[in-house]
């Protein structure tokens, strides 16, 4: 029996949402779009760039939207400095090593972002399997990225646990049949659980995380 832990990237493995927000603000301001943290949390957090472009720049053509959002990602990568993984992540990876659990990162971020962040937090070698939504036919909230993660790890949904910080990410994992732990990096416990998370935590040190993994991987 193969079991797996599937991790979102931004807001789950590392808190980088403030960097994304600043990059979006700079990219959207010339087009008359004002963006604050509340709107970022409700309309951007966890969404694909294609969906974000349609939402915020509907008056522009698809190619122009793509160029603007590509430039936003470059600005984001340029702004990433010293970042640290969410507390307890290294210990959780040690725990999964001991139990020979498969692992994958499942993100809507471009691969260049994922490679940069995983290298920056020193965990690229421990999380080498990365599923990127922009490389698939559909990103989150569609379940396809998580279904692809299950296929890549060889795990069944019933023997997997996903970790997510956004509503679209939680919904994608739930739609794939995976138990989800919400990370309260940006959203409240109530909002994450309303989207389908089993419970929500501040970080990976919460004992409930380990208890859930034990139950799911023993199923």
N, C-alpha and C. Protein backbone atom coordinates (compact mmCIF):
# COMPACT_ATOMS: atom_id res chain seq x y z
N UNK A 1 0.84 -1.19 0.00
CA UNK A 1 0.00 0.00 0.00
C UNK A 1 0.88 1.24 0.00
N UNK A 2 0.65 2.15 -0.94
CA UNK A 2 1.41 3.39 -1.02
C UNK A 2 0.58 4.53 -0.44
N UNK A 3 1.18 5.31 0.43
CA UNK A 3 0.53 6.47 1.03
C UNK A 3 1.33 7.71 0.69
N UNK A 4 0.66 8.86 0.72
CA UNK A 4 1.35 10.08 0.28
C UNK A 4 0.88 11.30 1.04
N UNK A 5 1.80 12.25 1.16
CA UNK A 5 1.49 13.59 1.65
C UNK A 5 1.65 14.55 0.47
N UNK A 6 0.64 15.37 0.23
CA UNK A 6 0.63 16.29 -0.90
C UNK A 6 0.53 17.72 -0.37
N UNK A 7 1.49 18.54 -0.75
CA UNK A 7 1.60 19.89 -0.19
C UNK A 7 1.39 20.95 -1.27
N UNK A 8 0.52 21.91 -0.97
CA UNK A 8 0.53 23.15 -1.73
C UNK A 8 1.85 23.87 -1.45
N UNK A 9 2.14 24.92 -2.20
CA UNK A 9 3.41 25.62 -2.05
C UNK A 9 3.25 26.93 -1.25
N UNK A 10 2.85 27.99 -1.93
CA UNK A 10 2.74 29.30 -1.29
C UNK A 10 1.66 29.30 -0.22
N UNK A 11 2.01 29.76 0.96
CA UNK A 11 1.06 29.81 2.06
C UNK A 11 0.93 28.50 2.81
N UNK A 12 1.56 27.45 2.31
CA UNK A 12 1.50 26.13 2.94
C UNK A 12 2.88 25.67 3.37
N UNK A 13 3.82 25.63 2.43
CA UNK A 13 5.19 25.29 2.80
C UNK A 13 5.95 26.52 3.29
N UNK A 14 5.53 27.69 2.82
CA UNK A 14 6.23 28.94 3.13
C UNK A 14 5.24 30.09 3.01
N UNK A 15 5.39 31.09 3.86
CA UNK A 15 4.49 32.24 3.83
C UNK A 15 5.06 33.31 2.91
N UNK A 16 4.59 33.33 1.67
CA UNK A 16 5.06 34.29 0.68
C UNK A 16 3.93 35.15 0.12
N UNK A 17 2.75 35.08 0.73
CA UNK A 17 1.60 35.79 0.16
C UNK A 17 1.82 37.30 0.14
N UNK A 18 2.53 37.84 1.11
CA UNK A 18 2.77 39.29 1.11
C UNK A 18 3.65 39.70 -0.08
N UNK A 19 4.53 38.80 -0.51
CA UNK A 19 5.36 39.11 -1.68
C UNK A 19 4.51 39.05 -2.95
N UNK A 20 3.64 38.05 -3.03
CA UNK A 20 2.73 37.97 -4.17
C UNK A 20 1.84 39.20 -4.24
N UNK A 21 1.30 39.61 -3.10
CA UNK A 21 0.39 40.76 -3.07
C UNK A 21 1.10 42.00 -3.62
N UNK A 22 2.30 42.27 -3.17
CA UNK A 22 3.04 43.45 -3.64
C UNK A 22 3.28 43.38 -5.15
N UNK A 23 3.60 42.18 -5.65
CA UNK A 23 3.85 42.03 -7.09
C UNK A 23 2.58 42.23 -7.89
N UNK A 24 1.45 41.72 -7.39
CA UNK A 24 0.18 41.94 -8.07
C UNK A 24 -0.20 43.42 -8.05
N UNK A 25 0.00 44.08 -6.94
CA UNK A 25 -0.34 45.50 -6.85
C UNK A 25 0.44 46.31 -7.88
N UNK A 26 1.72 46.02 -8.02
CA UNK A 26 2.55 46.73 -8.99
C UNK A 26 2.12 46.42 -10.43
N UNK A 27 1.75 45.17 -10.67
CA UNK A 27 1.36 44.77 -12.03
C UNK A 27 0.01 45.34 -12.43
N UNK A 28 -0.92 45.44 -11.47
CA UNK A 28 -2.28 45.87 -11.78
C UNK A 28 -2.48 47.38 -11.74
N UNK A 29 -1.66 48.10 -10.96
CA UNK A 29 -1.86 49.53 -10.79
C UNK A 29 -1.90 50.30 -12.11
N UNK A 30 -1.01 50.01 -13.09
CA UNK A 30 -1.06 50.76 -14.35
C UNK A 30 -2.36 50.53 -15.13
N UNK A 31 -3.12 49.53 -14.76
CA UNK A 31 -4.36 49.22 -15.45
C UNK A 31 -5.59 49.60 -14.63
N UNK A 32 -5.36 50.43 -13.61
CA UNK A 32 -6.46 50.97 -12.83
C UNK A 32 -7.09 50.01 -11.85
N UNK A 33 -6.38 48.96 -11.49
CA UNK A 33 -6.92 47.96 -10.57
C UNK A 33 -6.25 48.12 -9.21
N UNK A 34 -7.05 48.44 -8.20
CA UNK A 34 -6.54 48.55 -6.83
C UNK A 34 -6.75 47.22 -6.12
N UNK A 35 -5.77 46.85 -5.35
CA UNK A 35 -5.82 45.54 -4.71
C UNK A 35 -5.31 45.67 -3.28
N UNK A 36 -6.13 45.24 -2.30
CA UNK A 36 -5.67 45.19 -0.91
C UNK A 36 -5.62 43.74 -0.45
N UNK A 37 -5.19 43.52 0.81
CA UNK A 37 -5.01 42.16 1.29
C UNK A 37 -6.34 41.41 1.34
N UNK A 38 -7.42 42.09 1.73
CA UNK A 38 -8.71 41.41 1.82
C UNK A 38 -9.15 40.90 0.46
N UNK A 39 -8.98 41.73 -0.56
CA UNK A 39 -9.39 41.30 -1.91
C UNK A 39 -8.45 40.22 -2.43
N UNK A 40 -7.18 40.33 -2.11
CA UNK A 40 -6.23 39.29 -2.49
C UNK A 40 -6.65 37.95 -1.89
N UNK A 41 -6.98 37.96 -0.61
CA UNK A 41 -7.37 36.72 0.06
C UNK A 41 -8.63 36.11 -0.53
N UNK A 42 -9.58 36.96 -0.91
CA UNK A 42 -10.87 36.45 -1.36
C UNK A 42 -10.92 36.13 -2.85
N UNK A 43 -10.08 36.78 -3.67
CA UNK A 43 -10.22 36.64 -5.12
C UNK A 43 -8.99 36.11 -5.83
N UNK A 44 -7.83 36.15 -5.18
CA UNK A 44 -6.59 35.72 -5.84
C UNK A 44 -5.98 34.50 -5.19
N UNK A 45 -6.00 34.45 -3.87
CA UNK A 45 -5.32 33.39 -3.13
C UNK A 45 -5.66 32.00 -3.67
N UNK A 46 -4.65 31.31 -4.18
CA UNK A 46 -4.82 29.95 -4.66
C UNK A 46 -5.32 29.81 -6.08
N UNK A 47 -5.70 30.92 -6.73
CA UNK A 47 -6.25 30.85 -8.08
C UNK A 47 -5.14 30.76 -9.12
N UNK A 48 -5.48 30.26 -10.29
CA UNK A 48 -4.52 30.22 -11.39
C UNK A 48 -4.39 31.61 -12.00
N UNK A 49 -3.25 31.87 -12.63
CA UNK A 49 -3.06 33.17 -13.28
C UNK A 49 -4.06 33.40 -14.39
N UNK A 50 -4.45 32.35 -15.07
CA UNK A 50 -5.45 32.50 -16.13
C UNK A 50 -6.77 33.02 -15.55
N UNK A 51 -7.19 32.43 -14.44
CA UNK A 51 -8.43 32.87 -13.80
C UNK A 51 -8.28 34.27 -13.23
N UNK A 52 -7.12 34.58 -12.67
CA UNK A 52 -6.88 35.92 -12.12
C UNK A 52 -6.95 36.97 -13.24
N UNK A 53 -6.36 36.67 -14.37
CA UNK A 53 -6.40 37.59 -15.49
C UNK A 53 -7.81 37.87 -15.96
N UNK A 54 -8.61 36.83 -16.06
CA UNK A 54 -10.00 37.01 -16.48
C UNK A 54 -10.78 37.85 -15.47
N UNK A 55 -10.49 37.66 -14.18
CA UNK A 55 -11.20 38.35 -13.12
C UNK A 55 -10.84 39.84 -13.05
N UNK A 56 -9.55 40.14 -13.13
CA UNK A 56 -9.09 41.50 -12.87
C UNK A 56 -8.80 42.32 -14.12
N UNK A 57 -8.56 41.67 -15.24
CA UNK A 57 -8.21 42.38 -16.46
C UNK A 57 -9.10 41.94 -17.63
N UNK A 58 -10.42 41.93 -17.43
CA UNK A 58 -11.31 41.42 -18.49
C UNK A 58 -11.33 42.30 -19.74
N UNK A 59 -10.88 43.54 -19.59
CA UNK A 59 -10.91 44.48 -20.71
C UNK A 59 -9.70 44.30 -21.64
N UNK A 60 -8.79 43.42 -21.26
CA UNK A 60 -7.61 43.17 -22.08
C UNK A 60 -7.71 41.82 -22.77
N UNK A 61 -6.96 41.67 -23.86
CA UNK A 61 -6.94 40.39 -24.56
C UNK A 61 -6.14 39.35 -23.78
N UNK A 62 -6.35 38.10 -24.14
CA UNK A 62 -5.71 37.01 -23.42
C UNK A 62 -4.18 37.10 -23.47
N UNK A 63 -3.63 37.48 -24.62
CA UNK A 63 -2.17 37.55 -24.73
C UNK A 63 -1.60 38.66 -23.87
N UNK A 64 -2.29 39.81 -23.82
CA UNK A 64 -1.81 40.91 -22.99
C UNK A 64 -1.91 40.56 -21.51
N UNK A 65 -3.00 39.90 -21.13
CA UNK A 65 -3.14 39.46 -19.74
C UNK A 65 -1.99 38.52 -19.36
N UNK A 66 -1.69 37.60 -20.26
CA UNK A 66 -0.61 36.64 -19.99
C UNK A 66 0.72 37.35 -19.82
N UNK A 67 1.01 38.36 -20.65
CA UNK A 67 2.27 39.09 -20.53
C UNK A 67 2.35 39.83 -19.18
N UNK A 68 1.25 40.44 -18.78
CA UNK A 68 1.22 41.16 -17.51
C UNK A 68 1.47 40.22 -16.34
N UNK A 69 0.83 39.07 -16.38
CA UNK A 69 0.97 38.12 -15.29
C UNK A 69 2.34 37.43 -15.31
N UNK A 70 2.89 37.22 -16.48
CA UNK A 70 4.26 36.69 -16.54
C UNK A 70 5.24 37.69 -15.92
N UNK A 71 5.03 38.98 -16.21
CA UNK A 71 5.89 40.01 -15.62
C UNK A 71 5.71 40.07 -14.11
N UNK A 72 4.48 39.86 -13.65
CA UNK A 72 4.24 39.82 -12.21
C UNK A 72 5.05 38.70 -11.57
N UNK A 73 5.10 37.52 -12.20
CA UNK A 73 5.84 36.40 -11.63
C UNK A 73 7.34 36.69 -11.60
N UNK A 74 7.85 37.38 -12.61
CA UNK A 74 9.26 37.77 -12.61
C UNK A 74 9.53 38.72 -11.44
N UNK A 75 8.62 39.68 -11.24
CA UNK A 75 8.78 40.63 -10.14
C UNK A 75 8.72 39.90 -8.80
N UNK A 76 7.83 38.93 -8.69
CA UNK A 76 7.75 38.13 -7.47
C UNK A 76 9.06 37.40 -7.20
N UNK A 77 9.58 36.72 -8.21
CA UNK A 77 10.83 35.96 -8.02
C UNK A 77 11.99 36.89 -7.66
N UNK A 78 12.01 38.08 -8.27
CA UNK A 78 13.07 39.03 -7.96
C UNK A 78 12.99 39.52 -6.52
N UNK A 79 11.77 39.53 -5.96
CA UNK A 79 11.56 40.06 -4.60
C UNK A 79 11.77 39.02 -3.51
N UNK A 80 11.81 37.76 -3.89
CA UNK A 80 11.98 36.71 -2.88
C UNK A 80 13.40 36.77 -2.32
N UNK A 81 13.49 36.95 -1.03
CA UNK A 81 14.79 36.97 -0.37
C UNK A 81 14.93 35.78 0.55
N UNK A 82 15.27 36.05 1.78
CA UNK A 82 15.37 34.98 2.78
C UNK A 82 13.97 34.58 3.22
N UNK A 83 13.62 33.34 3.00
CA UNK A 83 12.33 32.81 3.42
C UNK A 83 12.56 31.52 4.19
N UNK A 84 11.64 31.22 5.06
CA UNK A 84 11.78 30.03 5.91
C UNK A 84 10.54 29.17 5.77
N UNK A 85 10.69 27.85 5.88
CA UNK A 85 9.52 26.97 5.81
C UNK A 85 8.61 27.19 7.01
N UNK A 86 7.34 26.88 6.82
CA UNK A 86 6.38 26.93 7.92
C UNK A 86 6.87 26.03 9.05
N UNK A 87 6.70 26.48 10.28
CA UNK A 87 7.23 25.75 11.45
C UNK A 87 6.74 24.31 11.48
N UNK A 88 7.67 23.42 11.77
CA UNK A 88 7.35 22.00 11.90
C UNK A 88 7.46 21.21 10.61
N UNK A 89 7.73 21.87 9.50
CA UNK A 89 7.77 21.15 8.22
C UNK A 89 8.91 20.13 8.18
N UNK A 90 10.10 20.51 8.60
CA UNK A 90 11.23 19.58 8.55
C UNK A 90 10.96 18.33 9.38
N UNK A 91 10.36 18.52 10.55
CA UNK A 91 10.04 17.38 11.41
C UNK A 91 8.98 16.49 10.77
N UNK A 92 8.02 17.10 10.09
CA UNK A 92 7.01 16.30 9.41
C UNK A 92 7.62 15.49 8.27
N UNK A 93 8.56 16.08 7.55
CA UNK A 93 9.24 15.33 6.49
C UNK A 93 10.06 14.18 7.08
N UNK A 94 10.68 14.40 8.24
CA UNK A 94 11.40 13.31 8.90
C UNK A 94 10.44 12.18 9.26
N UNK A 95 9.29 12.54 9.78
CA UNK A 95 8.26 11.57 10.14
C UNK A 95 7.83 10.77 8.91
N UNK A 96 7.65 11.46 7.79
CA UNK A 96 7.22 10.75 6.58
C UNK A 96 8.34 9.87 6.03
N UNK A 97 9.59 10.28 6.21
CA UNK A 97 10.72 9.44 5.81
C UNK A 97 10.71 8.12 6.59
N UNK A 98 10.48 8.23 7.90
CA UNK A 98 10.48 7.04 8.75
C UNK A 98 9.41 6.04 8.32
N UNK A 99 8.31 6.56 7.81
CA UNK A 99 7.18 5.71 7.42
C UNK A 99 7.13 5.46 5.92
N UNK A 100 8.15 5.93 5.22
CA UNK A 100 8.28 5.72 3.76
C UNK A 100 7.05 6.21 3.02
N UNK A 101 6.58 7.38 3.41
CA UNK A 101 5.45 7.98 2.72
C UNK A 101 5.95 8.74 1.50
N UNK A 102 5.25 8.62 0.39
CA UNK A 102 5.58 9.41 -0.79
C UNK A 102 5.16 10.85 -0.54
N UNK A 103 5.80 11.76 -1.27
CA UNK A 103 5.49 13.19 -1.11
C UNK A 103 5.50 13.88 -2.46
N UNK A 104 4.65 14.91 -2.57
CA UNK A 104 4.66 15.73 -3.77
C UNK A 104 4.18 17.12 -3.42
N UNK A 105 4.66 18.10 -4.16
CA UNK A 105 4.15 19.47 -4.09
C UNK A 105 3.14 19.61 -5.23
N UNK A 106 1.97 20.14 -4.91
CA UNK A 106 0.91 20.32 -5.91
C UNK A 106 0.51 21.80 -5.86
N UNK A 107 0.85 22.54 -6.90
CA UNK A 107 0.71 23.99 -6.85
C UNK A 107 0.16 24.56 -8.15
N UNK A 108 -0.47 25.72 -8.04
CA UNK A 108 -0.87 26.47 -9.23
C UNK A 108 0.24 27.41 -9.70
N UNK A 109 1.35 27.42 -9.01
CA UNK A 109 2.46 28.32 -9.35
C UNK A 109 3.21 27.81 -10.58
N UNK A 110 3.83 28.72 -11.34
CA UNK A 110 4.72 28.28 -12.43
C UNK A 110 5.91 27.51 -11.86
N UNK A 111 6.48 26.65 -12.66
CA UNK A 111 7.59 25.82 -12.17
C UNK A 111 8.78 26.67 -11.73
N UNK A 112 9.03 27.79 -12.39
CA UNK A 112 10.15 28.63 -11.99
C UNK A 112 9.97 29.13 -10.56
N UNK A 113 8.74 29.45 -10.18
CA UNK A 113 8.47 29.87 -8.80
C UNK A 113 8.71 28.72 -7.83
N UNK A 114 8.18 27.56 -8.17
CA UNK A 114 8.32 26.40 -7.29
C UNK A 114 9.78 26.03 -7.09
N UNK A 115 10.55 26.02 -8.16
CA UNK A 115 11.97 25.69 -8.06
C UNK A 115 12.69 26.69 -7.16
N UNK A 116 12.38 27.98 -7.34
CA UNK A 116 13.03 29.02 -6.55
C UNK A 116 12.71 28.87 -5.07
N UNK A 117 11.43 28.70 -4.74
CA UNK A 117 11.01 28.64 -3.34
C UNK A 117 11.56 27.39 -2.66
N UNK A 118 11.47 26.25 -3.31
CA UNK A 118 11.98 25.02 -2.69
C UNK A 118 13.48 25.09 -2.46
N UNK A 119 14.19 25.73 -3.39
CA UNK A 119 15.63 25.91 -3.18
C UNK A 119 15.89 26.90 -2.05
N UNK A 120 15.08 27.95 -1.97
CA UNK A 120 15.28 28.99 -0.96
C UNK A 120 15.07 28.47 0.45
N UNK A 121 14.15 27.52 0.62
CA UNK A 121 13.92 26.97 1.95
C UNK A 121 14.74 25.70 2.20
N UNK A 122 15.59 25.36 1.24
CA UNK A 122 16.52 24.26 1.43
C UNK A 122 15.89 22.88 1.40
N UNK A 123 14.73 22.75 0.72
CA UNK A 123 14.03 21.47 0.75
C UNK A 123 13.79 20.88 -0.64
N UNK A 124 14.44 21.42 -1.66
CA UNK A 124 14.23 20.90 -3.01
C UNK A 124 14.57 19.42 -3.10
N UNK A 125 15.62 19.00 -2.39
CA UNK A 125 16.04 17.60 -2.45
C UNK A 125 15.08 16.68 -1.72
N UNK A 126 14.29 17.24 -0.79
CA UNK A 126 13.34 16.43 -0.03
C UNK A 126 11.96 16.43 -0.66
N UNK A 127 11.73 17.37 -1.56
CA UNK A 127 10.43 17.46 -2.25
C UNK A 127 10.69 17.61 -3.75
N UNK A 128 11.28 16.60 -4.37
CA UNK A 128 11.65 16.72 -5.78
C UNK A 128 10.49 16.57 -6.76
N UNK A 129 9.38 15.99 -6.29
CA UNK A 129 8.24 15.76 -7.17
C UNK A 129 7.29 16.95 -7.08
N UNK A 130 7.18 17.71 -8.16
CA UNK A 130 6.38 18.94 -8.16
C UNK A 130 5.38 18.91 -9.31
N UNK A 131 4.10 19.03 -8.98
CA UNK A 131 3.03 19.09 -9.97
C UNK A 131 2.62 20.55 -10.10
N UNK A 132 2.73 21.11 -11.30
CA UNK A 132 2.42 22.53 -11.52
C UNK A 132 1.16 22.66 -12.36
N UNK A 133 0.17 23.35 -11.81
CA UNK A 133 -1.09 23.54 -12.51
C UNK A 133 -0.98 24.12 -13.90
N UNK A 134 -0.09 25.13 -14.12
CA UNK A 134 0.01 25.70 -15.48
C UNK A 134 0.47 24.71 -16.54
N UNK A 135 1.02 23.58 -16.13
CA UNK A 135 1.48 22.57 -17.09
C UNK A 135 0.40 21.53 -17.39
N UNK A 136 -0.75 21.64 -16.71
CA UNK A 136 -1.85 20.72 -16.91
C UNK A 136 -2.98 21.39 -17.69
N UNK A 137 -3.94 20.61 -18.11
CA UNK A 137 -5.09 21.18 -18.82
C UNK A 137 -5.91 22.08 -17.92
N UNK A 138 -5.95 21.77 -16.63
CA UNK A 138 -6.74 22.56 -15.68
C UNK A 138 -5.99 22.63 -14.36
N UNK A 139 -6.00 23.81 -13.75
CA UNK A 139 -5.42 23.97 -12.43
C UNK A 139 -6.49 23.94 -11.36
N UNK A 140 -6.06 24.13 -10.12
CA UNK A 140 -7.02 24.23 -9.01
C UNK A 140 -7.95 25.43 -9.27
N UNK A 141 -9.22 25.34 -8.92
CA UNK A 141 -9.89 24.38 -8.03
C UNK A 141 -10.30 23.06 -8.67
N UNK A 142 -9.95 22.84 -9.94
CA UNK A 142 -10.21 21.54 -10.54
C UNK A 142 -9.36 20.49 -9.80
N UNK A 143 -9.87 19.28 -9.63
CA UNK A 143 -9.09 18.25 -8.94
C UNK A 143 -7.92 17.69 -9.73
N UNK A 144 -7.80 18.05 -11.01
CA UNK A 144 -6.76 17.43 -11.84
C UNK A 144 -5.36 17.51 -11.25
N UNK A 145 -4.91 18.65 -10.70
CA UNK A 145 -3.56 18.66 -10.12
C UNK A 145 -3.37 17.62 -9.01
N UNK A 146 -4.39 17.45 -8.17
CA UNK A 146 -4.27 16.46 -7.10
C UNK A 146 -4.40 15.03 -7.62
N UNK A 147 -5.23 14.83 -8.60
CA UNK A 147 -5.31 13.50 -9.22
C UNK A 147 -3.97 13.15 -9.87
N UNK A 148 -3.34 14.15 -10.47
CA UNK A 148 -2.02 13.94 -11.06
C UNK A 148 -0.98 13.63 -9.98
N UNK A 149 -1.10 14.31 -8.83
CA UNK A 149 -0.20 14.02 -7.71
C UNK A 149 -0.36 12.61 -7.20
N UNK A 150 -1.60 12.13 -7.12
CA UNK A 150 -1.84 10.76 -6.70
C UNK A 150 -1.22 9.78 -7.69
N UNK A 151 -1.42 10.04 -8.96
CA UNK A 151 -0.87 9.15 -9.98
C UNK A 151 0.66 9.14 -9.91
N UNK A 152 1.26 10.30 -9.71
CA UNK A 152 2.72 10.40 -9.68
C UNK A 152 3.31 9.68 -8.47
N UNK A 153 2.60 9.69 -7.35
CA UNK A 153 3.11 9.04 -6.14
C UNK A 153 2.68 7.58 -6.05
N UNK A 154 1.68 7.20 -6.83
CA UNK A 154 1.17 5.84 -6.76
C UNK A 154 0.24 5.60 -5.59
N UNK A 155 -0.23 6.66 -4.95
CA UNK A 155 -1.09 6.53 -3.77
C UNK A 155 -2.56 6.60 -4.15
N UNK A 156 -3.40 5.98 -3.33
CA UNK A 156 -4.84 6.12 -3.47
C UNK A 156 -5.28 7.34 -2.65
N UNK A 157 -6.39 7.94 -3.06
CA UNK A 157 -6.88 9.12 -2.35
C UNK A 157 -7.15 8.82 -0.89
N UNK A 158 -7.63 7.62 -0.60
CA UNK A 158 -7.94 7.26 0.77
C UNK A 158 -6.73 7.10 1.66
N UNK A 159 -5.54 7.02 1.06
CA UNK A 159 -4.30 6.89 1.82
C UNK A 159 -3.41 8.12 1.66
N UNK A 160 -4.04 9.25 1.39
CA UNK A 160 -3.28 10.48 1.19
C UNK A 160 -3.83 11.60 2.09
N UNK A 161 -2.96 12.54 2.41
CA UNK A 161 -3.35 13.75 3.13
C UNK A 161 -2.79 14.94 2.37
N UNK A 162 -3.63 15.96 2.16
CA UNK A 162 -3.20 17.18 1.48
C UNK A 162 -3.15 18.33 2.48
N UNK A 163 -2.27 19.28 2.20
CA UNK A 163 -2.12 20.47 3.04
C UNK A 163 -2.32 21.69 2.16
N UNK A 164 -3.26 22.55 2.54
CA UNK A 164 -3.66 23.68 1.70
C UNK A 164 -3.97 24.91 2.54
N UNK A 165 -3.76 26.08 1.95
CA UNK A 165 -4.08 27.33 2.64
C UNK A 165 -5.18 28.14 1.95
N UNK A 166 -5.62 27.71 0.76
CA UNK A 166 -6.59 28.49 0.01
C UNK A 166 -7.88 27.72 -0.19
N UNK A 167 -8.96 28.44 -0.48
CA UNK A 167 -10.24 27.79 -0.72
C UNK A 167 -10.19 26.96 -1.99
N UNK A 168 -9.58 27.50 -3.04
CA UNK A 168 -9.52 26.74 -4.30
C UNK A 168 -8.69 25.48 -4.12
N UNK A 169 -7.62 25.55 -3.34
CA UNK A 169 -6.80 24.38 -3.11
C UNK A 169 -7.50 23.33 -2.28
N UNK A 170 -8.18 23.75 -1.22
CA UNK A 170 -8.93 22.80 -0.40
C UNK A 170 -9.98 22.11 -1.27
N UNK A 171 -10.72 22.89 -2.05
CA UNK A 171 -11.79 22.32 -2.88
C UNK A 171 -11.22 21.35 -3.91
N UNK A 172 -10.06 21.64 -4.46
CA UNK A 172 -9.45 20.75 -5.44
C UNK A 172 -9.09 19.41 -4.81
N UNK A 173 -8.48 19.46 -3.63
CA UNK A 173 -8.08 18.21 -2.97
C UNK A 173 -9.29 17.41 -2.52
N UNK A 174 -10.30 18.09 -1.98
CA UNK A 174 -11.52 17.39 -1.57
C UNK A 174 -12.19 16.73 -2.76
N UNK A 175 -12.22 17.43 -3.89
CA UNK A 175 -12.84 16.87 -5.09
C UNK A 175 -12.09 15.65 -5.59
N UNK A 176 -10.80 15.56 -5.26
CA UNK A 176 -10.00 14.39 -5.62
C UNK A 176 -10.14 13.26 -4.60
N UNK A 177 -10.93 13.51 -3.54
CA UNK A 177 -11.17 12.48 -2.53
C UNK A 177 -10.13 12.41 -1.43
N UNK A 178 -9.35 13.47 -1.27
CA UNK A 178 -8.23 13.47 -0.33
C UNK A 178 -8.62 14.24 0.93
N UNK A 179 -8.22 13.74 2.09
CA UNK A 179 -8.40 14.45 3.35
C UNK A 179 -7.47 15.66 3.37
N UNK A 180 -8.00 16.81 3.79
CA UNK A 180 -7.25 18.06 3.70
C UNK A 180 -7.08 18.70 5.08
N UNK A 181 -5.86 19.13 5.36
CA UNK A 181 -5.57 19.96 6.53
C UNK A 181 -5.38 21.38 6.03
N UNK A 182 -6.12 22.32 6.61
CA UNK A 182 -5.97 23.72 6.22
C UNK A 182 -4.87 24.40 7.02
N UNK A 183 -4.09 25.24 6.36
CA UNK A 183 -3.08 26.07 7.01
C UNK A 183 -3.62 27.49 7.10
N UNK A 184 -3.68 28.02 8.33
CA UNK A 184 -4.27 29.34 8.55
C UNK A 184 -3.26 30.46 8.34
N UNK A 185 -2.57 30.40 7.22
CA UNK A 185 -1.61 31.44 6.87
C UNK A 185 -2.31 32.75 6.55
N UNK A 186 -3.43 32.64 5.82
CA UNK A 186 -4.18 33.83 5.41
C UNK A 186 -5.66 33.75 5.75
N UNK A 187 -6.22 32.56 5.80
CA UNK A 187 -7.65 32.40 6.01
C UNK A 187 -7.94 31.78 7.37
N UNK A 188 -9.16 31.99 7.84
CA UNK A 188 -9.56 31.50 9.16
C UNK A 188 -9.90 30.02 9.12
N UNK A 189 -9.93 29.43 10.29
CA UNK A 189 -10.33 28.03 10.41
C UNK A 189 -11.72 27.81 9.84
N UNK A 190 -12.64 28.70 10.15
CA UNK A 190 -14.02 28.54 9.68
C UNK A 190 -14.10 28.52 8.16
N UNK A 191 -13.36 29.41 7.50
CA UNK A 191 -13.41 29.47 6.04
C UNK A 191 -12.79 28.23 5.41
N UNK A 192 -11.69 27.77 5.97
CA UNK A 192 -11.03 26.59 5.42
C UNK A 192 -11.90 25.34 5.63
N UNK A 193 -12.50 25.23 6.78
CA UNK A 193 -13.35 24.06 7.05
C UNK A 193 -14.63 24.12 6.24
N UNK A 194 -15.15 25.30 6.00
CA UNK A 194 -16.34 25.43 5.16
C UNK A 194 -16.07 24.96 3.73
N UNK A 195 -14.81 25.09 3.29
CA UNK A 195 -14.42 24.63 1.95
C UNK A 195 -14.18 23.13 1.91
N UNK A 196 -14.06 22.50 3.10
CA UNK A 196 -13.89 21.05 3.12
C UNK A 196 -12.73 20.52 3.91
N UNK A 197 -11.90 21.40 4.51
CA UNK A 197 -10.80 20.92 5.33
C UNK A 197 -11.33 20.19 6.56
N UNK A 198 -10.65 19.14 6.98
CA UNK A 198 -11.05 18.39 8.17
C UNK A 198 -10.83 19.23 9.42
N UNK A 199 -9.70 19.92 9.46
CA UNK A 199 -9.42 20.89 10.51
C UNK A 199 -8.37 21.84 9.97
N UNK A 200 -8.07 22.89 10.73
CA UNK A 200 -7.08 23.87 10.30
C UNK A 200 -6.07 24.09 11.42
N UNK A 201 -4.83 24.37 11.04
CA UNK A 201 -3.74 24.51 12.00
C UNK A 201 -2.93 25.77 11.68
N UNK A 202 -2.20 26.23 12.70
CA UNK A 202 -1.29 27.35 12.48
C UNK A 202 -0.03 26.92 11.76
N UNK A 203 0.43 25.70 12.05
CA UNK A 203 1.64 25.18 11.41
C UNK A 203 1.67 23.66 11.57
N UNK A 204 2.74 23.06 11.13
CA UNK A 204 2.83 21.60 11.08
C UNK A 204 3.15 20.95 12.42
N UNK A 205 3.31 21.73 13.47
CA UNK A 205 3.62 21.17 14.78
C UNK A 205 2.38 20.64 15.49
N UNK A 206 1.21 20.92 14.97
CA UNK A 206 -0.03 20.49 15.61
C UNK A 206 -0.12 18.96 15.61
N UNK A 207 -0.34 18.38 16.77
CA UNK A 207 -0.35 16.92 16.91
C UNK A 207 -1.44 16.27 16.08
N UNK A 208 -2.52 17.01 15.79
CA UNK A 208 -3.59 16.44 14.99
C UNK A 208 -3.13 16.07 13.59
N UNK A 209 -2.13 16.76 13.09
CA UNK A 209 -1.58 16.44 11.77
C UNK A 209 -1.05 15.02 11.76
N UNK A 210 -0.27 14.67 12.77
CA UNK A 210 0.33 13.35 12.84
C UNK A 210 -0.74 12.27 13.08
N UNK A 211 -1.71 12.59 13.89
CA UNK A 211 -2.78 11.63 14.15
C UNK A 211 -3.58 11.34 12.88
N UNK A 212 -3.86 12.37 12.09
CA UNK A 212 -4.59 12.17 10.84
C UNK A 212 -3.76 11.33 9.86
N UNK A 213 -2.50 11.62 9.75
CA UNK A 213 -1.64 10.86 8.84
C UNK A 213 -1.61 9.38 9.26
N UNK A 214 -1.49 9.14 10.55
CA UNK A 214 -1.48 7.75 11.03
C UNK A 214 -2.77 7.04 10.64
N UNK A 215 -3.89 7.70 10.80
CA UNK A 215 -5.17 7.08 10.46
C UNK A 215 -5.30 6.83 8.96
N UNK A 216 -4.93 7.81 8.17
CA UNK A 216 -5.10 7.68 6.72
C UNK A 216 -4.13 6.67 6.11
N UNK A 217 -2.91 6.66 6.59
CA UNK A 217 -1.93 5.75 5.99
C UNK A 217 -2.10 4.33 6.49
N UNK A 218 -2.86 4.14 7.57
CA UNK A 218 -3.15 2.80 8.06
C UNK A 218 -4.45 2.25 7.48
N UNK A 219 -5.18 3.09 6.74
CA UNK A 219 -6.50 2.69 6.24
C UNK A 219 -6.36 1.56 5.22
